[in-house]
Amino acid sequence: MQPSAILESALYVTDLGAAETFYAEVLGLQKIAAVKDRHVFFKCGSGVLLLFNAEATRQPPAPDARLPVPPHGTSGQGHLCFAATAAEIDAWKALLEARNIAVEADFRWSSGGRSIYFRDPSGNSLEFAEPKIWNL
């Protein structure tokens, strides 16, 4: 057996409010859940992007917790890549530059696909790429 898809992807952020604003207003993602000072979740295509305050998720759940999710979290910058067509990458690059968000790299892979890289307010490395970079 093997998993059929990735349902959730998580990034850990240092400023949950700034992250919520960035992912909603810059990237246009739809917020689907939030718990103040702990997390904010966004719908992204057929999956979910989870943004966590790492310090809050390292705490074990209370013995009577409704959702006994085990502690998790990380420190440092993470990475996430969003799928995009060539035309969408051009449009994303223009939008990012119009908002004074630096595009750190813009290049073509040996497979022929293109990627652009930029950062969220917590320094996480974000990418828009054509799926063909993985021959998908």
C-alpha atoms as a PDB file:
ATOM      1  CA  MET A   1       0.000   0.000   0.000  1.00  0.00           C
ATOM      2  CA  GLN A   2       0.968   3.629  -0.426  1.00  0.00           C
ATOM      3  CA  PRO A   3      -0.704   6.954   0.343  1.00  0.00           C
ATOM      4  CA  SER A   4      -2.731   8.382  -2.542  1.00  0.00           C
ATOM      5  CA  ALA A   5      -2.003  12.064  -1.894  1.00  0.00           C
ATOM      6  CA  ILE A   6      -0.821  14.613   0.653  1.00  0.00           C
ATOM      7  CA  LEU A   7      -3.867  15.976   2.438  1.00  0.00           C
ATOM      8  CA  GLU A   8      -2.169  18.557   4.659  1.00  0.00           C
ATOM      9  CA  SER A   9       1.101  20.452   4.580  1.00  0.00           C
ATOM     10  CA  ALA A  10       2.343  22.395   7.595  1.00  0.00           C
ATOM     11  CA  LEU A  11       4.571  25.406   8.041  1.00  0.00           C
ATOM     12  CA  TYR A  12       5.574  26.901  11.361  1.00  0.00           C
ATOM     13  CA  VAL A  13       5.467  30.675  11.677  1.00  0.00           C
ATOM     14  CA  THR A  14       6.816  33.231  14.120  1.00  0.00           C
ATOM     15  CA  ASP A  15       3.959  35.743  13.758  1.00  0.00           C
ATOM     16  CA  LEU A  16       0.603  34.081  13.224  1.00  0.00           C
ATOM     17  CA  GLY A  17      -1.213  37.364  12.472  1.00  0.00           C
ATOM     18  CA  ALA A  18       1.285  38.397   9.795  1.00  0.00           C
ATOM     19  CA  ALA A  19       1.151  34.903   8.294  1.00  0.00           C
ATOM     20  CA  GLU A  20      -2.654  34.917   8.215  1.00  0.00           C
ATOM     21  CA  THR A  21      -2.672  38.264   6.420  1.00  0.00           C
ATOM     22  CA  PHE A  22       0.010  37.183   3.930  1.00  0.00           C
ATOM     23  CA  TYR A  23      -1.579  33.868   2.962  1.00  0.00           C
ATOM     24  CA  ALA A  24      -5.088  35.356   2.745  1.00  0.00           C
ATOM     25  CA  GLU A  25      -4.365  38.715   1.136  1.00  0.00           C
ATOM     26  CA  VAL A  26      -1.256  38.065  -0.967  1.00  0.00           C
ATOM     27  CA  LEU A  27      -1.799  34.434  -1.941  1.00  0.00           C
ATOM     28  CA  GLY A  28      -5.607  34.605  -1.847  1.00  0.00           C
ATOM     29  CA  LEU A  29      -6.114  31.414   0.139  1.00  0.00           C
ATOM     30  CA  GLN A  30      -9.435  30.811   1.874  1.00  0.00           C
ATOM     31  CA  LYS A  31      -9.195  30.514   5.667  1.00  0.00           C
ATOM     32  CA  ILE A  32     -11.113  27.489   6.944  1.00  0.00           C
ATOM     33  CA  ALA A  33     -10.165  27.360  10.651  1.00  0.00           C
ATOM     34  CA  ALA A  34      -8.190  29.240  13.273  1.00  0.00           C
ATOM     35  CA  VAL A  35      -7.408  29.143  16.963  1.00  0.00           C
ATOM     36  CA  LYS A  36      -6.007  32.409  18.329  1.00  0.00           C
ATOM     37  CA  ASP A  37      -2.258  32.256  19.020  1.00  0.00           C
ATOM     38  CA  ARG A  38      -2.064  28.581  17.921  1.00  0.00           C
ATOM     39  CA  HIS A  39      -2.909  28.021  14.263  1.00  0.00           C
ATOM     40  CA  VAL A  40      -4.663  29.133  11.096  1.00  0.00           C
ATOM     41  CA  PHE A  41      -5.652  26.704   8.326  1.00  0.00           C
ATOM     42  CA  PHE A  42      -6.266  27.489   4.648  1.00  0.00           C
ATOM     43  CA  LYS A  43      -7.838  25.563   1.776  1.00  0.00           C
ATOM     44  CA  CYS A  44      -5.397  25.147  -1.092  1.00  0.00           C
ATOM     45  CA  GLY A  45      -6.692  23.223  -4.076  1.00  0.00           C
ATOM     46  CA  SER A  46      -7.740  19.787  -2.850  1.00  0.00           C
ATOM     47  CA  GLY A  47      -5.523  20.042   0.233  1.00  0.00           C
ATOM     48  CA  VAL A  48      -5.066  22.109   3.352  1.00  0.00           C
ATOM     49  CA  LEU A  49      -2.198  24.378   4.372  1.00  0.00           C
ATOM     50  CA  LEU A  50      -1.680  24.397   8.137  1.00  0.00           C
ATOM     51  CA  LEU A  51       0.162  27.345   9.682  1.00  0.00           C
ATOM     52  CA  PHE A  52       1.188  26.793  13.274  1.00  0.00           C
ATOM     53  CA  ASN A  53       2.739  28.810  16.054  1.00  0.00           C
ATOM     54  CA  ALA A  54       5.442  26.206  16.783  1.00  0.00           C
ATOM     55  CA  GLU A  55       5.686  27.019  20.472  1.00  0.00           C
ATOM     56  CA  ALA A  56       1.957  26.434  20.970  1.00  0.00           C
ATOM     57  CA  THR A  57       1.981  23.079  19.156  1.00  0.00           C
ATOM     58  CA  ARG A  58       4.877  21.738  21.235  1.00  0.00           C
ATOM     59  CA  GLN A  59       2.611  21.672  24.282  1.00  0.00           C
ATOM     60  CA  PRO A  60       0.921  18.309  24.936  1.00  0.00           C
ATOM     61  CA  PRO A  61      -2.884  18.322  24.925  1.00  0.00           C
ATOM     62  CA  ALA A  62      -4.729  18.461  28.229  1.00  0.00           C
ATOM     63  CA  PRO A  63      -5.829  15.031  29.483  1.00  0.00           C
ATOM     64  CA  ASP A  64      -9.459  15.925  28.723  1.00  0.00           C
ATOM     65  CA  ALA A  65      -8.748  17.535  25.336  1.00  0.00           C
ATOM     66  CA  ARG A  66     -11.436  17.121  22.702  1.00  0.00           C
ATOM     67  CA  LEU A  67      -8.728  16.583  20.048  1.00  0.00           C
ATOM     68  CA  PRO A  68      -5.758  14.683  21.501  1.00  0.00           C
ATOM     69  CA  VAL A  69      -3.281  15.720  18.780  1.00  0.00           C
ATOM     70  CA  PRO A  70       0.247  14.863  19.942  1.00  0.00           C
ATOM     71  CA  PRO A  71       2.820  17.652  20.276  1.00  0.00           C
ATOM     72  CA  HIS A  72       4.700  18.653  17.125  1.00  0.00           C
ATOM     73  CA  GLY A  73       6.617  21.590  15.758  1.00  0.00           C
ATOM     74  CA  THR A  74       9.912  22.649  14.366  1.00  0.00           C
ATOM     75  CA  SER A  75      12.156  25.660  14.335  1.00  0.00           C
ATOM     76  CA  GLY A  76      13.749  27.424  11.430  1.00  0.00           C
ATOM     77  CA  GLN A  77      12.554  28.074   7.934  1.00  0.00           C
ATOM     78  CA  GLY A  78      10.491  25.523   6.034  1.00  0.00           C
ATOM     79  CA  HIS A  79       9.650  25.141   2.362  1.00  0.00           C
ATOM     80  CA  LEU A  80       6.432  24.724   0.409  1.00  0.00           C
ATOM     81  CA  CYS A  81       5.865  24.637  -3.346  1.00  0.00           C
ATOM     82  CA  PHE A  82       2.578  25.588  -5.010  1.00  0.00           C
ATOM     83  CA  ALA A  83       1.742  24.158  -8.451  1.00  0.00           C
ATOM     84  CA  ALA A  84       1.308  26.735 -11.212  1.00  0.00           C
ATOM     85  CA  THR A  85       1.249  26.927 -14.999  1.00  0.00           C
ATOM     86  CA  ALA A  86       3.838  28.961 -16.886  1.00  0.00           C
ATOM     87  CA  ALA A  87       1.323  31.790 -17.369  1.00  0.00           C
ATOM     88  CA  GLU A  88       0.369  31.697 -13.683  1.00  0.00           C
ATOM     89  CA  ILE A  89       4.031  31.920 -12.683  1.00  0.00           C
ATOM     90  CA  ASP A  90       4.348  35.098 -14.768  1.00  0.00           C
ATOM     91  CA  ALA A  91       1.262  36.524 -13.064  1.00  0.00           C
ATOM     92  CA  TRP A  92       2.455  35.531  -9.564  1.00  0.00           C
ATOM     93  CA  LYS A  93       5.847  37.088 -10.195  1.00  0.00           C
ATOM     94  CA  ALA A  94       4.211  40.359 -11.261  1.00  0.00           C
ATOM     95  CA  LEU A  95       1.900  40.331  -8.220  1.00  0.00           C
ATOM     96  CA  LEU A  96       4.760  39.632  -5.798  1.00  0.00           C
ATOM     97  CA  GLU A  97       6.917  42.373  -7.299  1.00  0.00           C
ATOM     98  CA  ALA A  98       3.990  44.825  -7.211  1.00  0.00           C
ATOM     99  CA  ARG A  99       3.711  44.121  -3.470  1.00  0.00           C
ATOM    100  CA  ASN A 100       7.477  44.575  -2.983  1.00  0.00           C
ATOM    101  CA  ILE A 101       7.982  40.902  -2.157  1.00  0.00           C
ATOM    102  CA  ALA A 102      11.390  39.862  -3.423  1.00  0.00           C
ATOM    103  CA  VAL A 103      11.555  37.002  -5.893  1.00  0.00           C
ATOM    104  CA  GLU A 104      14.794  35.312  -4.810  1.00  0.00           C
ATOM    105  CA  ALA A 105      15.137  32.977  -7.780  1.00  0.00           C
ATOM    106  CA  ASP A 106      13.506  32.471 -11.163  1.00  0.00           C
ATOM    107  CA  PHE A 107      14.851  29.621 -13.237  1.00  0.00           C
ATOM    108  CA  ARG A 108      14.130  26.649 -15.476  1.00  0.00           C
ATOM    109  CA  TRP A 109      14.834  23.102 -14.347  1.00  0.00           C
ATOM    110  CA  SER A 110      16.525  20.555 -16.601  1.00  0.00           C
ATOM    111  CA  SER A 111      13.069  18.949 -17.016  1.00  0.00           C
ATOM    112  CA  GLY A 112      11.949  22.200 -18.666  1.00  0.00           C
ATOM    113  CA  GLY A 113       9.709  23.420 -15.847  1.00  0.00           C
ATOM    114  CA  ARG A 114      10.103  26.823 -14.244  1.00  0.00           C
ATOM    115  CA  SER A 115      10.153  27.867 -10.584  1.00  0.00           C
ATOM    116  CA  ILE A 116      10.115  31.137  -8.704  1.00  0.00           C
ATOM    117  CA  TYR A 117      11.044  31.408  -5.023  1.00  0.00           C
ATOM    118  CA  PHE A 118      10.071  34.004  -2.418  1.00  0.00           C
ATOM    119  CA  ARG A 119       9.581  34.229   1.377  1.00  0.00           C
ATOM    120  CA  ASP A 120       6.627  34.562   3.712  1.00  0.00           C
ATOM    121  CA  PRO A 121       6.804  36.968   6.701  1.00  0.00           C
ATOM    122  CA  SER A 122       8.374  34.214   8.872  1.00  0.00           C
ATOM    123  CA  GLY A 123      11.111  33.515   6.330  1.00  0.00           C
ATOM    124  CA  ASN A 124       9.660  30.256   5.025  1.00  0.00           C
ATOM    125  CA  SER A 125      10.783  29.565   1.464  1.00  0.00           C
ATOM    126  CA  LEU A 126       7.805  29.462  -0.899  1.00  0.00           C
ATOM    127  CA  GLU A 127       7.842  28.412  -4.522  1.00  0.00           C
ATOM    128  CA  PHE A 128       5.544  28.409  -7.512  1.00  0.00           C
ATOM    129  CA  ALA A 129       6.534  25.708  -9.989  1.00  0.00           C
ATOM    130  CA  GLU A 130       5.243  23.889 -12.999  1.00  0.00           C
ATOM    131  CA  PRO A 131       4.420  20.282 -12.039  1.00  0.00           C
ATOM    132  CA  LYS A 132       6.621  19.047 -14.868  1.00  0.00           C
ATOM    133  CA  ILE A 133       9.687  19.787 -12.727  1.00  0.00           C
ATOM    134  CA  TRP A 134       8.799  16.385 -11.217  1.00  0.00           C
ATOM    135  CA  ASN A 135       7.629  14.918 -14.537  1.00  0.00           C
ATOM    136  CA  LEU A 136       4.031  15.055 -13.274  1.00  0.00           C
END
